[in-house]
Amino acid sequence: MRRAFVALAAVPILMAAQPAAAGQKPSGEITVFAASSLTESFTAVAKQFEKKHPHVTVKFDFDSSANLAAQIQQGAPADVFASADEANLQKAVDSGDVTTKPVVFAKNRLEIAVEKGNPKKIKGLADLDKSGLVVVLCADAVPCGKYAAEAFANARVTVSPASKEENAKATLSKVSLGEADASVVYVTDVQAAKGGVSGVKIPDRQNVIATYPIAVTKDSRSSAAAKTWVQFIESKTAQTTLRRFGFLPP
């Protein structure tokens, strides 16, 4: 009887503690795995987020969505995954590493990045198959590589790249460093280069729209803070910042 009394007496204490826990502000540190094309925009959004949620610290791991998906499946400590395509986030969903419903938070477009001032006078995708032109692209498994392949198919152009890089930033850097004449990356990457490269627009009939989804991982160590980050990404404040960096609305 005495044991039963002790157990029953503990119930009101536990119930009384629940409202306080539920009312706590999100806190802790979260690691956001994000596509490399989100580097500048997410860094800016993080400053806004941490100002509003001073008890949360946001850290990033930027890379190709394909690499990030593989790392998450291998047990990497990620709290949030923001992909440059739906296919790679779906891989994490299919493996059970993401159990929350992904939310599309932005879209993007492709652009040809050329050396500053466009010395080779590149006007469109058709020019990228010219002899002597050094073109670099994203790897086939990477979203920007898949999107570029779609754009070339739309333009009925065949390009033999000098190399295929692991993500959009690595691809763009080849052009900005003068190691390549052109690459196909995102509009946001060209804008983020701040004049380090020039951009050549791709017509709508040839271009491809990239879709960016985001979700909290199953094993997030700070799930409340991670969910708050995802909610913030959908907010007017964050969406305005994403537009400023060249992203399209979801």
Protein backbone atom coordinates (compact mmCIF):
# COMPACT_ATOMS: atom_id res chain seq x y z
CA MET A 1 0.00 0.00 0.00
CA ARG A 2 2.81 2.34 0.82
CA ARG A 3 4.35 1.91 -2.66
CA ALA A 4 1.00 2.68 -4.26
CA PHE A 5 0.69 5.87 -2.23
CA VAL A 6 4.12 7.09 -3.29
CA ALA A 7 3.37 6.48 -6.97
CA LEU A 8 0.05 8.27 -6.80
CA ALA A 9 1.54 11.19 -4.93
CA ALA A 10 4.10 11.70 -7.71
CA VAL A 11 1.44 12.13 -10.38
CA PRO A 12 0.35 15.68 -9.44
CA ILE A 13 4.01 16.75 -9.26
CA LEU A 14 4.71 15.50 -12.79
CA MET A 15 1.54 17.07 -14.13
CA ALA A 16 2.40 20.39 -12.56
CA ALA A 17 5.82 20.37 -14.24
CA GLN A 18 4.48 19.87 -17.75
CA PRO A 19 3.11 23.38 -18.44
CA ALA A 20 6.44 25.00 -17.51
CA ALA A 21 8.36 22.70 -19.88
CA ALA A 22 5.91 23.34 -22.69
CA GLY A 23 6.28 27.08 -22.23
CA GLN A 24 10.07 27.08 -22.47
CA LYS A 25 11.67 28.97 -25.35
CA PRO A 26 13.68 26.89 -27.86
CA SER A 27 17.31 26.63 -26.88
CA GLY A 28 20.49 24.77 -27.71
CA GLU A 29 22.61 24.35 -30.82
CA ILE A 30 21.37 23.07 -34.16
CA THR A 31 23.36 21.94 -37.16
CA VAL A 32 21.72 22.66 -40.49
CA PHE A 33 22.85 20.59 -43.46
CA ALA A 34 22.18 22.81 -46.48
CA ALA A 35 22.87 22.86 -50.20
CA SER A 36 25.95 24.93 -51.03
CA SER A 37 23.84 27.38 -53.05
CA LEU A 38 22.21 28.42 -49.76
CA THR A 39 25.49 29.52 -48.16
CA GLU A 40 25.08 33.28 -48.28
CA SER A 41 21.32 33.45 -47.82
CA PHE A 42 21.13 31.00 -44.90
CA THR A 43 24.08 32.71 -43.20
CA ALA A 44 22.15 35.99 -43.36
CA VAL A 45 18.92 34.34 -42.19
CA ALA A 46 20.75 32.75 -39.25
CA LYS A 47 21.69 36.19 -37.93
CA GLN A 48 18.02 37.22 -38.04
CA PHE A 49 16.97 33.96 -36.41
CA GLU A 50 19.49 34.16 -33.56
CA LYS A 51 18.46 37.75 -32.86
CA LYS A 52 14.86 36.57 -32.41
CA HIS A 53 15.86 33.35 -30.64
CA PRO A 54 18.99 34.28 -28.64
CA HIS A 55 19.07 30.92 -26.84
CA VAL A 56 19.61 29.00 -30.10
CA THR A 57 22.91 28.78 -31.98
CA VAL A 58 22.83 27.79 -35.65
CA LYS A 59 25.74 26.02 -37.30
CA PHE A 60 25.95 24.92 -40.91
CA ASP A 61 27.39 22.20 -43.09
CA PHE A 62 27.17 23.35 -46.72
CA ASP A 63 27.76 20.86 -49.51
CA SER A 64 25.98 19.23 -52.43
CA SER A 65 22.57 17.85 -51.50
CA ALA A 66 23.68 14.38 -52.65
CA ASN A 67 26.66 14.39 -50.29
CA LEU A 68 24.59 15.71 -47.41
CA ALA A 69 21.87 13.09 -47.90
CA ALA A 70 24.52 10.34 -47.86
CA GLN A 71 26.10 11.76 -44.70
CA ILE A 72 22.74 11.89 -42.91
CA GLN A 73 22.04 8.29 -43.89
CA GLN A 74 25.45 7.35 -42.47
CA GLY A 75 24.58 8.91 -39.11
CA ALA A 76 26.03 12.41 -39.38
CA PRO A 77 24.68 14.67 -36.57
CA ALA A 78 22.32 16.90 -38.52
CA ASP A 79 19.23 18.55 -37.06
CA VAL A 80 17.82 19.99 -40.30
CA PHE A 81 18.30 19.12 -43.97
CA ALA A 82 17.69 21.75 -46.67
CA SER A 83 18.16 20.30 -50.15
CA ALA A 84 18.43 21.89 -53.59
CA ASP A 85 16.12 19.22 -54.94
CA GLU A 86 13.33 17.00 -53.70
CA ALA A 87 14.98 13.74 -54.76
CA ASN A 88 17.86 13.91 -52.27
CA LEU A 89 15.67 14.86 -49.34
CA GLN A 90 13.35 12.01 -50.32
CA LYS A 91 16.31 9.63 -49.94
CA ALA A 92 16.55 10.64 -46.28
CA VAL A 93 12.79 10.20 -45.92
CA ASP A 94 12.90 6.73 -47.51
CA SER A 95 15.73 5.64 -45.22
CA GLY A 96 13.81 6.81 -42.15
CA ASP A 97 16.34 9.51 -41.28
CA VAL A 98 13.73 12.23 -41.85
CA THR A 99 10.28 11.58 -40.43
CA THR A 100 8.77 15.09 -40.61
CA LYS A 101 7.01 16.19 -43.78
CA PRO A 102 9.37 18.21 -46.02
CA VAL A 103 8.31 21.78 -46.80
CA VAL A 104 9.27 23.58 -50.03
CA PHE A 105 10.63 26.97 -48.98
CA ALA A 106 12.22 28.37 -52.16
CA LYS A 107 12.93 27.85 -55.83
CA ASN A 108 15.86 28.78 -58.05
CA ARG A 109 16.91 29.02 -61.69
CA LEU A 110 20.02 28.25 -63.68
CA GLU A 111 22.41 30.74 -65.22
CA ILE A 112 25.63 30.52 -67.21
CA ALA A 113 28.56 31.85 -65.20
CA VAL A 114 31.38 33.28 -67.33
CA GLU A 115 34.59 35.15 -66.60
CA LYS A 116 34.11 38.76 -65.58
CA GLY A 117 33.22 40.83 -68.62
CA ASN A 118 32.46 37.71 -70.67
CA PRO A 119 35.65 37.83 -72.77
CA LYS A 120 34.63 34.76 -74.80
CA LYS A 121 31.34 36.48 -75.79
CA ILE A 122 29.15 33.56 -74.68
CA LYS A 123 25.50 34.26 -75.46
CA GLY A 124 23.76 31.04 -74.50
CA LEU A 125 23.91 27.29 -73.92
CA ALA A 126 24.58 26.62 -77.61
CA ASP A 127 27.91 28.42 -77.32
CA LEU A 128 29.16 26.03 -74.64
CA ASP A 129 29.95 23.28 -77.15
CA LYS A 130 32.41 25.45 -79.08
CA SER A 131 35.87 23.99 -79.62
CA GLY A 132 38.53 25.37 -77.30
CA LEU A 133 36.06 26.55 -74.67
CA VAL A 134 36.74 25.23 -71.15
CA VAL A 135 33.44 24.40 -69.47
CA VAL A 136 33.00 22.91 -65.99
CA LEU A 137 29.76 21.49 -64.64
CA CYS A 138 28.43 20.03 -61.41
CA ALA A 139 28.73 16.26 -61.02
CA ASP A 140 25.92 14.16 -62.45
CA ALA A 141 24.59 13.10 -59.03
CA VAL A 142 24.46 16.68 -57.75
CA PRO A 143 21.23 18.69 -58.22
CA CYS A 144 22.91 21.47 -60.24
CA GLY A 145 24.41 18.77 -62.48
CA LYS A 146 21.02 17.14 -63.05
CA TYR A 147 19.36 20.48 -63.68
CA ALA A 148 22.11 21.47 -66.15
CA ALA A 149 21.62 18.20 -68.03
CA GLU A 150 17.90 18.99 -68.32
CA ALA A 151 18.66 22.48 -69.62
CA PHE A 152 21.08 21.12 -72.24
CA ALA A 153 18.46 18.61 -73.32
CA ASN A 154 15.90 21.41 -73.63
CA ALA A 155 18.36 23.40 -75.75
CA ARG A 156 19.38 20.29 -77.72
CA VAL A 157 23.02 20.94 -76.92
CA THR A 158 25.73 18.42 -76.09
CA VAL A 159 28.57 19.68 -73.91
CA SER A 160 31.78 17.86 -72.98
CA PRO A 161 32.97 19.48 -69.73
CA ALA A 162 36.62 19.68 -68.74
CA SER A 163 35.62 18.54 -65.26
CA LYS A 164 32.62 17.87 -63.04
CA GLU A 165 32.73 19.36 -59.56
CA GLU A 166 31.17 18.18 -56.31
CA ASN A 167 28.84 21.16 -55.77
CA ALA A 168 27.71 24.47 -57.23
CA LYS A 169 30.25 26.58 -55.31
CA ALA A 170 33.18 24.43 -56.41
CA THR A 171 31.94 24.64 -59.99
CA LEU A 172 31.62 28.43 -59.88
CA SER A 173 35.06 28.85 -58.30
CA LYS A 174 36.69 27.33 -61.40
CA VAL A 175 35.34 30.26 -63.40
CA SER A 176 36.07 32.95 -60.82
CA LEU A 177 39.67 31.70 -60.51
CA GLY A 178 40.14 31.76 -64.29
CA GLU A 179 40.48 27.99 -64.56
CA ALA A 180 37.39 27.70 -66.77
CA ASP A 181 35.60 29.88 -69.28
CA ALA A 182 32.07 28.98 -68.23
CA SER A 183 29.88 26.88 -65.99
CA VAL A 184 26.18 26.35 -65.40
CA VAL A 185 25.16 27.09 -61.83
CA TYR A 186 22.30 28.87 -60.09
CA VAL A 187 21.29 32.50 -60.53
CA THR A 188 21.89 32.91 -56.79
CA ASP A 189 25.49 31.70 -57.11
CA VAL A 190 26.28 34.27 -59.79
CA GLN A 191 24.67 36.99 -57.68
CA ALA A 192 26.59 35.89 -54.58
CA ALA A 193 29.88 36.18 -56.50
CA LYS A 194 29.35 39.96 -56.38
CA GLY A 195 30.99 40.77 -59.69
CA GLY A 196 33.64 38.07 -59.50
CA VAL A 197 31.97 36.49 -62.52
CA SER A 198 29.42 37.62 -65.07
CA GLY A 199 26.09 35.93 -65.75
CA VAL A 200 24.45 34.98 -69.04
CA LYS A 201 20.72 34.36 -68.78
CA ILE A 202 19.18 31.14 -70.01
CA PRO A 203 15.81 31.55 -71.81
CA ASP A 204 12.72 30.25 -70.01
CA ARG A 205 12.09 27.61 -72.67
CA GLN A 206 15.50 26.07 -71.89
CA ASN A 207 15.84 26.85 -68.20
CA VAL A 208 14.94 24.60 -65.27
CA ILE A 209 13.30 25.50 -61.98
CA ALA A 210 15.07 24.06 -58.93
CA THR A 211 12.87 23.20 -55.93
CA TYR A 212 14.25 23.50 -52.38
CA PRO A 213 12.61 21.47 -49.57
CA ILE A 214 13.54 21.47 -45.87
CA ALA A 215 12.82 19.11 -42.96
CA VAL A 216 13.90 18.20 -39.42
CA THR A 217 15.85 14.96 -39.08
CA LYS A 218 14.58 12.07 -36.96
CA ASP A 219 17.60 12.05 -34.64
CA SER A 220 17.78 15.81 -34.07
CA ARG A 221 19.33 16.53 -30.69
CA SER A 222 17.41 19.80 -30.44
CA SER A 223 14.15 19.05 -32.22
CA ALA A 224 12.25 22.01 -30.73
CA ALA A 225 14.91 24.47 -31.93
CA ALA A 226 15.15 22.66 -35.28
CA LYS A 227 11.40 22.93 -35.83
CA THR A 228 11.56 26.62 -34.89
CA TRP A 229 14.26 27.13 -37.55
CA VAL A 230 12.11 25.50 -40.23
CA GLN A 231 9.14 27.66 -39.20
CA PHE A 232 11.35 30.75 -39.36
CA ILE A 233 12.52 29.85 -42.88
CA GLU A 234 8.87 30.04 -43.92
CA SER A 235 8.36 33.41 -42.22
CA LYS A 236 8.05 36.71 -44.07
CA THR A 237 11.39 37.87 -42.64
CA ALA A 238 13.35 34.90 -43.97
CA GLN A 239 11.46 34.79 -47.26
CA THR A 240 12.28 38.44 -47.88
CA THR A 241 15.95 37.69 -47.28
CA LEU A 242 15.86 34.73 -49.66
CA ARG A 243 14.32 36.96 -52.35
CA ARG A 244 17.12 39.48 -51.78
CA PHE A 245 19.65 36.76 -52.55
CA GLY A 246 17.90 35.86 -55.80
CA PHE A 247 15.69 32.94 -54.79
CA LEU A 248 12.17 32.58 -56.14
CA PRO A 249 9.12 32.09 -53.88
CA PRO A 250 8.20 28.47 -53.13
